[in-house]
């Protein structure tokens, strides 16, 4: 018979790499954190570092999205006019007139992003 579940090797490799990267981040966090016990309690039991990934994204998403969208081509169909709060539109696609990131995509749950 045919194997109906064929693993995606690229996805597995990506997950392994993310695990390695966030393991390094965790190690640095423990080494440099004033509240080491709290950090160990929050992240220590998760060998895949999913909570750390969530917290990292929450802390860095504005900068990541700015880096991605500020250099998007002007004809990119990435944004909707309703993406900005109140439908004011974007300021050259880089950010909304109010300064917020012009997308709803950064609220996609972490497990769907990585």
C-alpha atoms as a PDB file:
ATOM      1  CA  UNK A   1       0.000   0.000   0.000  1.00  0.00           C
ATOM      2  CA  UNK A   2       0.857   3.656  -0.240  1.00  0.00           C
ATOM      3  CA  UNK A   3       1.979   5.611   2.799  1.00  0.00           C
ATOM      4  CA  UNK A   4      -0.739   8.225   3.232  1.00  0.00           C
ATOM      5  CA  UNK A   5       1.362  10.238   5.651  1.00  0.00           C
ATOM      6  CA  UNK A   6       4.540  11.368   3.970  1.00  0.00           C
ATOM      7  CA  UNK A   7       6.505  13.652   6.251  1.00  0.00           C
ATOM      8  CA  UNK A   8       7.627  16.975   4.927  1.00  0.00           C
ATOM      9  CA  UNK A   9      11.408  16.819   5.355  1.00  0.00           C
ATOM     10  CA  UNK A  10      11.840  20.591   4.865  1.00  0.00           C
ATOM     11  CA  UNK A  11       9.313  21.323   7.603  1.00  0.00           C
ATOM     12  CA  UNK A  12      11.043  18.866   9.943  1.00  0.00           C
ATOM     13  CA  UNK A  13      14.402  20.491   9.205  1.00  0.00           C
ATOM     14  CA  UNK A  14      12.916  23.944   9.836  1.00  0.00           C
ATOM     15  CA  UNK A  15      11.439  22.827  13.166  1.00  0.00           C
ATOM     16  CA  UNK A  16      14.773  21.307  14.199  1.00  0.00           C
ATOM     17  CA  UNK A  17      16.547  24.537  13.309  1.00  0.00           C
ATOM     18  CA  UNK A  18      14.002  26.660  15.209  1.00  0.00           C
ATOM     19  CA  UNK A  19      14.375  24.369  18.211  1.00  0.00           C
ATOM     20  CA  UNK A  20      18.145  24.867  18.075  1.00  0.00           C
ATOM     21  CA  UNK A  21      17.847  28.670  17.701  1.00  0.00           C
ATOM     22  CA  UNK A  22      15.341  29.052  20.525  1.00  0.00           C
ATOM     23  CA  UNK A  23      17.439  26.711  22.654  1.00  0.00           C
ATOM     24  CA  UNK A  24      20.299  29.192  22.283  1.00  0.00           C
ATOM     25  CA  UNK A  25      17.948  32.079  23.113  1.00  0.00           C
ATOM     26  CA  UNK A  26      16.735  30.151  26.172  1.00  0.00           C
ATOM     27  CA  UNK A  27      20.314  29.528  27.298  1.00  0.00           C
ATOM     28  CA  UNK A  28      21.147  33.223  26.984  1.00  0.00           C
ATOM     29  CA  UNK A  29      17.941  34.157  28.785  1.00  0.00           C
ATOM     30  CA  UNK A  30      18.791  31.882  31.717  1.00  0.00           C
ATOM     31  CA  UNK A  31      22.388  33.112  31.794  1.00  0.00           C
ATOM     32  CA  UNK A  32      21.491  36.822  31.682  1.00  0.00           C
ATOM     33  CA  UNK A  33      18.121  36.895  33.427  1.00  0.00           C
ATOM     34  CA  UNK A  34      17.786  38.369  36.893  1.00  0.00           C
ATOM     35  CA  UNK A  35      14.749  36.178  37.531  1.00  0.00           C
ATOM     36  CA  UNK A  36      16.254  32.839  36.461  1.00  0.00           C
ATOM     37  CA  UNK A  37      13.797  30.650  38.385  1.00  0.00           C
ATOM     38  CA  UNK A  38      10.792  32.382  36.813  1.00  0.00           C
ATOM     39  CA  UNK A  39      12.293  31.938  33.337  1.00  0.00           C
ATOM     40  CA  UNK A  40      13.010  28.247  34.014  1.00  0.00           C
ATOM     41  CA  UNK A  41       9.474  27.745  35.287  1.00  0.00           C
ATOM     42  CA  UNK A  42       7.933  29.469  32.248  1.00  0.00           C
ATOM     43  CA  UNK A  43      10.093  27.892  29.523  1.00  0.00           C
ATOM     44  CA  UNK A  44      12.124  25.036  31.001  1.00  0.00           C
ATOM     45  CA  UNK A  45       9.701  22.137  30.580  1.00  0.00           C
ATOM     46  CA  UNK A  46       8.973  22.832  26.896  1.00  0.00           C
ATOM     47  CA  UNK A  47      11.650  21.114  24.806  1.00  0.00           C
ATOM     48  CA  UNK A  48      10.262  22.742  21.632  1.00  0.00           C
ATOM     49  CA  UNK A  49      10.245  26.222  23.213  1.00  0.00           C
ATOM     50  CA  UNK A  50       6.740  27.030  21.956  1.00  0.00           C
ATOM     51  CA  UNK A  51       6.029  29.468  24.818  1.00  0.00           C
ATOM     52  CA  UNK A  52       9.375  31.177  24.263  1.00  0.00           C
ATOM     53  CA  UNK A  53       8.556  31.474  20.552  1.00  0.00           C
ATOM     54  CA  UNK A  54       5.194  33.068  21.430  1.00  0.00           C
ATOM     55  CA  UNK A  55       6.805  35.523  23.819  1.00  0.00           C
ATOM     56  CA  UNK A  56       9.594  36.310  21.357  1.00  0.00           C
ATOM     57  CA  UNK A  57       7.067  37.029  18.604  1.00  0.00           C
ATOM     58  CA  UNK A  58       4.967  39.219  20.901  1.00  0.00           C
ATOM     59  CA  UNK A  59       8.073  41.219  21.799  1.00  0.00           C
ATOM     60  CA  UNK A  60       9.525  41.499  18.262  1.00  0.00           C
ATOM     61  CA  UNK A  61       6.627  41.332  15.801  1.00  0.00           C
ATOM     62  CA  UNK A  62       6.457  45.081  15.139  1.00  0.00           C
ATOM     63  CA  UNK A  63      10.121  45.184  14.121  1.00  0.00           C
ATOM     64  CA  UNK A  64       9.890  41.987  12.056  1.00  0.00           C
ATOM     65  CA  UNK A  65       6.849  43.210  10.138  1.00  0.00           C
ATOM     66  CA  UNK A  66       8.416  46.619   9.545  1.00  0.00           C
ATOM     67  CA  UNK A  67      11.522  44.918   8.162  1.00  0.00           C
ATOM     68  CA  UNK A  68       9.399  42.785   5.833  1.00  0.00           C
ATOM     69  CA  UNK A  69       6.915  45.353   4.597  1.00  0.00           C
ATOM     70  CA  UNK A  70       8.986  48.518   4.374  1.00  0.00           C
ATOM     71  CA  UNK A  71      10.852  47.027   1.427  1.00  0.00           C
ATOM     72  CA  UNK A  72       7.892  45.422  -0.337  1.00  0.00           C
ATOM     73  CA  UNK A  73       7.469  46.563  -3.955  1.00  0.00           C
ATOM     74  CA  UNK A  74       4.912  49.339  -4.373  1.00  0.00           C
ATOM     75  CA  UNK A  75       2.808  47.092  -6.619  1.00  0.00           C
ATOM     76  CA  UNK A  76       2.729  44.271  -4.038  1.00  0.00           C
ATOM     77  CA  UNK A  77      -0.797  43.039  -3.367  1.00  0.00           C
ATOM     78  CA  UNK A  78       0.071  42.273   0.232  1.00  0.00           C
ATOM     79  CA  UNK A  79      -2.068  44.887   1.929  1.00  0.00           C
ATOM     80  CA  UNK A  80      -5.754  45.675   2.016  1.00  0.00           C
ATOM     81  CA  UNK A  81      -7.020  49.213   2.395  1.00  0.00           C
ATOM     82  CA  UNK A  82      -8.897  48.068   5.494  1.00  0.00           C
ATOM     83  CA  UNK A  83      -5.718  46.788   7.139  1.00  0.00           C
ATOM     84  CA  UNK A  84      -5.177  50.047   8.996  1.00  0.00           C
ATOM     85  CA  UNK A  85      -7.218  51.065  12.001  1.00  0.00           C
ATOM     86  CA  UNK A  86     -10.182  53.036  10.714  1.00  0.00           C
ATOM     87  CA  UNK A  87      -9.331  52.324   7.057  1.00  0.00           C
ATOM     88  CA  UNK A  88      -7.009  55.345   6.802  1.00  0.00           C
ATOM     89  CA  UNK A  89      -4.630  53.503   4.503  1.00  0.00           C
ATOM     90  CA  UNK A  90      -0.903  53.044   4.620  1.00  0.00           C
ATOM     91  CA  UNK A  91       1.880  55.557   4.514  1.00  0.00           C
ATOM     92  CA  UNK A  92       3.860  54.200   1.562  1.00  0.00           C
ATOM     93  CA  UNK A  93       2.981  50.624   2.661  1.00  0.00           C
ATOM     94  CA  UNK A  94       5.549  50.726   5.441  1.00  0.00           C
ATOM     95  CA  UNK A  95       3.113  51.528   8.215  1.00  0.00           C
ATOM     96  CA  UNK A  96      -0.334  52.923   8.728  1.00  0.00           C
ATOM     97  CA  UNK A  97      -0.713  56.647   9.135  1.00  0.00           C
ATOM     98  CA  UNK A  98      -1.061  56.019  12.881  1.00  0.00           C
ATOM     99  CA  UNK A  99       2.211  54.024  12.918  1.00  0.00           C
ATOM    100  CA  UNK A 100       0.777  50.530  13.471  1.00  0.00           C
ATOM    101  CA  UNK A 101       1.676  47.542  11.306  1.00  0.00           C
ATOM    102  CA  UNK A 102      -0.737  47.403   8.323  1.00  0.00           C
ATOM    103  CA  UNK A 103      -1.679  43.766   8.513  1.00  0.00           C
ATOM    104  CA  UNK A 104      -3.721  41.352  10.507  1.00  0.00           C
ATOM    105  CA  UNK A 105      -1.308  38.506   9.766  1.00  0.00           C
ATOM    106  CA  UNK A 106       0.860  39.100  12.831  1.00  0.00           C
ATOM    107  CA  UNK A 107      -1.968  37.802  15.001  1.00  0.00           C
ATOM    108  CA  UNK A 108      -1.864  34.354  13.388  1.00  0.00           C
ATOM    109  CA  UNK A 109      -1.178  31.845  16.184  1.00  0.00           C
ATOM    110  CA  UNK A 110       2.461  30.841  16.492  1.00  0.00           C
ATOM    111  CA  UNK A 111       1.892  27.204  15.642  1.00  0.00           C
ATOM    112  CA  UNK A 112       0.534  28.289  12.256  1.00  0.00           C
ATOM    113  CA  UNK A 113       3.472  30.639  11.628  1.00  0.00           C
ATOM    114  CA  UNK A 114       6.334  28.201  12.348  1.00  0.00           C
END
